[in-house]
């Protein structure tokens, strides 16, 4: 929970938009509530304020990383689609070329057999190239996602370290108070 946001909400509910009928407000002293909220804000430790800023910055970084991931996914998908379209066009061109060759050689049986074999070989080669291109596109997309995962992991580790530092800071600040009471 972001304590500063909670204070903003409390200020809004009690000072800026209290329940009232016309000028009559039930049981609330707006100035006193505003003063108490200001005192609470002023008494908050700087570490807490810095932690809130760290959390907000972490949220901004995570949001930015999500946007980058979406853009990378879209870019990878577009690139994969383009590669597949190029592979299909090349395969169609090769197949059409093989058909033309086959028609030319149709009158000679030995040449016809050779043409059929070449056509099948070209078709198989085109299919293999298309599969390889698709795998390449998928590998590219996977690598982009892996890099994104690394960035998000670093951000999450930074957030975790920040939380741990806050927890450790909280333990140290409580010990002197307990000693003072004893």
Protein backbone atom coordinates (compact mmCIF):
# COMPACT_ATOMS: atom_id res chain seq x y z
CA UNK A 1 0.00 0.00 0.00
CA UNK A 2 1.20 3.49 -0.81
CA UNK A 3 0.73 5.45 2.42
CA UNK A 4 1.00 8.78 0.62
CA UNK A 5 -1.87 7.81 -1.67
CA UNK A 6 -3.92 6.78 1.36
CA UNK A 7 -3.29 10.18 2.92
CA UNK A 8 -4.35 11.84 -0.35
CA UNK A 9 -7.56 9.78 -0.34
CA UNK A 10 -8.24 10.66 3.30
CA UNK A 11 -7.70 14.36 2.55
CA UNK A 12 -10.03 14.18 -0.44
CA UNK A 13 -12.79 12.40 1.49
CA UNK A 14 -12.64 14.51 4.62
CA UNK A 15 -11.50 17.97 3.45
CA UNK A 16 -12.25 18.30 -0.24
CA UNK A 17 -15.47 16.23 -0.56
CA UNK A 18 -17.03 15.63 2.88
CA UNK A 19 -20.64 14.52 3.16
CA UNK A 20 -22.78 17.59 3.63
CA UNK A 21 -26.03 19.27 2.84
CA UNK A 22 -25.27 22.74 1.55
CA UNK A 23 -22.94 24.53 4.00
CA UNK A 24 -23.63 22.04 6.83
CA UNK A 25 -20.96 19.37 7.41
CA UNK A 26 -21.62 16.77 10.12
CA UNK A 27 -19.02 16.39 12.84
CA UNK A 28 -16.02 17.36 10.72
CA UNK A 29 -13.61 20.19 11.31
CA UNK A 30 -11.98 20.53 7.91
CA UNK A 31 -9.10 22.69 9.08
CA UNK A 32 -8.26 20.35 11.97
CA UNK A 33 -8.35 17.27 9.72
CA UNK A 34 -6.20 19.00 7.09
CA UNK A 35 -3.72 20.02 9.83
CA UNK A 36 -3.55 16.44 11.21
CA UNK A 37 -2.94 15.02 7.72
CA UNK A 38 -0.18 17.59 7.14
CA UNK A 39 1.41 16.60 10.49
CA UNK A 40 1.30 12.91 9.53
CA UNK A 41 2.96 13.70 6.19
CA UNK A 42 5.65 15.78 7.87
CA UNK A 43 6.39 13.07 10.43
CA UNK A 44 6.84 10.31 7.87
CA UNK A 45 10.49 9.22 7.67
CA UNK A 46 12.39 10.18 4.54
CA UNK A 47 13.16 6.51 3.97
CA UNK A 48 9.44 5.83 3.60
CA UNK A 49 9.07 8.67 1.12
CA UNK A 50 12.09 7.36 -0.80
CA UNK A 51 10.63 3.86 -0.74
CA UNK A 52 7.36 5.17 -2.15
CA UNK A 53 9.34 6.88 -4.91
CA UNK A 54 11.26 3.64 -5.53
CA UNK A 55 8.04 1.67 -5.78
CA UNK A 56 6.52 4.21 -8.15
CA UNK A 57 9.67 4.16 -10.31
CA UNK A 58 9.65 0.36 -10.28
CA UNK A 59 6.03 0.35 -11.40
CA UNK A 60 6.93 2.77 -14.19
CA UNK A 61 9.84 0.55 -15.26
CA UNK A 62 7.65 -2.57 -15.22
CA UNK A 63 4.99 -0.78 -17.27
CA UNK A 64 7.65 0.35 -19.72
CA UNK A 65 9.03 -3.20 -19.89
CA UNK A 66 5.52 -4.51 -20.60
CA UNK A 67 5.12 -2.00 -23.41
CA UNK A 68 8.53 -2.98 -24.77
CA UNK A 69 7.54 -6.65 -24.58
CA UNK A 70 4.33 -6.03 -26.49
CA UNK A 71 6.20 -4.03 -29.12
CA UNK A 72 8.90 -6.71 -29.36
CA UNK A 73 6.27 -9.43 -29.71
CA UNK A 74 4.46 -7.48 -32.42
CA UNK A 75 7.73 -6.75 -34.20
CA UNK A 76 8.78 -10.40 -33.96
CA UNK A 77 5.42 -11.56 -35.24
CA UNK A 78 5.51 -9.09 -38.14
CA UNK A 79 9.04 -10.20 -39.00
CA UNK A 80 8.02 -13.86 -38.83
CA UNK A 81 4.99 -13.19 -41.02
CA UNK A 82 7.14 -11.30 -43.52
CA UNK A 83 9.69 -14.13 -43.62
CA UNK A 84 6.92 -16.69 -44.10
CA UNK A 85 5.33 -14.61 -46.86
CA UNK A 86 8.72 -14.31 -48.59
CA UNK A 87 9.28 -18.05 -48.23
CA UNK A 88 5.85 -18.82 -49.68
CA UNK A 89 6.41 -16.45 -52.58
CA UNK A 90 9.79 -18.00 -53.25
CA UNK A 91 8.30 -21.49 -53.03
CA UNK A 92 5.54 -20.52 -55.46
CA UNK A 93 8.09 -19.01 -57.84
CA UNK A 94 10.20 -22.16 -57.67
CA UNK A 95 7.15 -24.40 -58.18
CA UNK A 96 5.99 -22.31 -61.15
CA UNK A 97 9.46 -22.47 -62.62
CA UNK A 98 9.42 -26.24 -62.17
CA UNK A 99 6.03 -26.47 -63.93
CA UNK A 100 7.33 -24.51 -66.90
CA UNK A 101 10.33 -26.79 -67.13
CA UNK A 102 8.13 -29.85 -66.85
CA UNK A 103 5.88 -28.74 -69.72
CA UNK A 104 8.89 -28.14 -71.96
CA UNK A 105 10.24 -31.59 -71.34
CA UNK A 106 6.95 -33.45 -71.51
CA UNK A 107 7.63 -34.96 -74.95
CA UNK A 108 10.70 -36.87 -73.94
CA UNK A 109 10.08 -39.58 -71.34
CA UNK A 110 13.56 -39.65 -69.89
CA UNK A 111 13.58 -35.88 -69.59
CA UNK A 112 10.05 -36.02 -68.17
CA UNK A 113 11.21 -38.34 -65.38
CA UNK A 114 14.11 -36.04 -64.64
CA UNK A 115 11.82 -33.00 -64.59
CA UNK A 116 9.42 -34.67 -62.18
CA UNK A 117 12.28 -35.60 -59.89
CA UNK A 118 13.67 -32.05 -60.02
CA UNK A 119 10.25 -30.58 -59.39
CA UNK A 120 9.79 -32.72 -56.30
CA UNK A 121 13.28 -31.90 -55.13
CA UNK A 122 12.69 -28.18 -55.60
CA UNK A 123 9.33 -28.39 -53.88
CA UNK A 124 10.88 -30.31 -50.98
CA UNK A 125 13.74 -27.81 -50.81
CA UNK A 126 11.30 -24.91 -50.79
CA UNK A 127 9.29 -26.57 -48.01
CA UNK A 128 12.46 -27.14 -45.99
CA UNK A 129 13.54 -23.53 -46.50
CA UNK A 130 10.10 -22.32 -45.42
CA UNK A 131 10.31 -24.45 -42.27
CA UNK A 132 13.84 -23.18 -41.56
CA UNK A 133 12.75 -19.58 -42.04
CA UNK A 134 9.82 -20.09 -39.68
CA UNK A 135 12.12 -21.66 -37.09
CA UNK A 136 14.46 -18.71 -37.47
CA UNK A 137 11.59 -16.30 -36.89
CA UNK A 138 10.43 -18.27 -33.86
CA UNK A 139 13.99 -18.34 -32.50
CA UNK A 140 14.20 -14.57 -32.96
CA UNK A 141 10.91 -14.06 -31.11
CA UNK A 142 12.05 -16.43 -28.34
CA UNK A 143 15.35 -14.54 -27.95
CA UNK A 144 13.51 -11.22 -27.69
CA UNK A 145 11.20 -12.67 -25.03
CA UNK A 146 14.20 -14.12 -23.16
CA UNK A 147 15.87 -10.70 -23.12
CA UNK A 148 12.64 -9.13 -21.91
CA UNK A 149 12.36 -11.75 -19.19
CA UNK A 150 15.91 -10.86 -18.07
CA UNK A 151 15.03 -7.16 -17.85
CA UNK A 152 11.84 -7.86 -15.90
CA UNK A 153 13.78 -10.21 -13.57
CA UNK A 154 16.32 -7.45 -12.88
CA UNK A 155 13.52 -5.00 -12.10
CA UNK A 156 11.83 -7.50 -9.79
CA UNK A 157 15.18 -8.16 -8.04
CA UNK A 158 15.66 -4.40 -7.56
CA UNK A 159 12.17 -4.13 -6.07
CA UNK A 160 12.87 -7.11 -3.80
CA UNK A 161 16.18 -5.54 -2.64
CA UNK A 162 14.37 -2.27 -1.93
CA UNK A 163 11.74 -4.06 0.11
CA UNK A 164 14.42 -5.98 2.03
CA UNK A 165 16.29 -2.74 2.76
CA UNK A 166 13.09 -1.19 4.05
CA UNK A 167 12.43 -4.26 6.22
CA UNK A 168 15.98 -4.14 7.58
CA UNK A 169 15.63 -0.41 8.15
CA UNK A 170 12.41 -1.03 10.07
CA UNK A 171 14.11 -3.59 12.35
CA UNK A 172 16.96 -1.18 13.18
CA UNK A 173 14.66 1.73 13.93
CA UNK A 174 12.52 -0.34 16.32
CA UNK A 175 15.41 -1.59 18.48
CA UNK A 176 16.43 1.81 19.95
CA UNK A 177 12.81 2.59 20.85
CA UNK A 178 12.43 -0.70 22.70
CA UNK A 179 15.63 -0.04 24.64
CA UNK A 180 14.41 3.43 25.56
CA UNK A 181 11.21 1.98 27.03
CA UNK A 182 13.11 -0.54 29.17
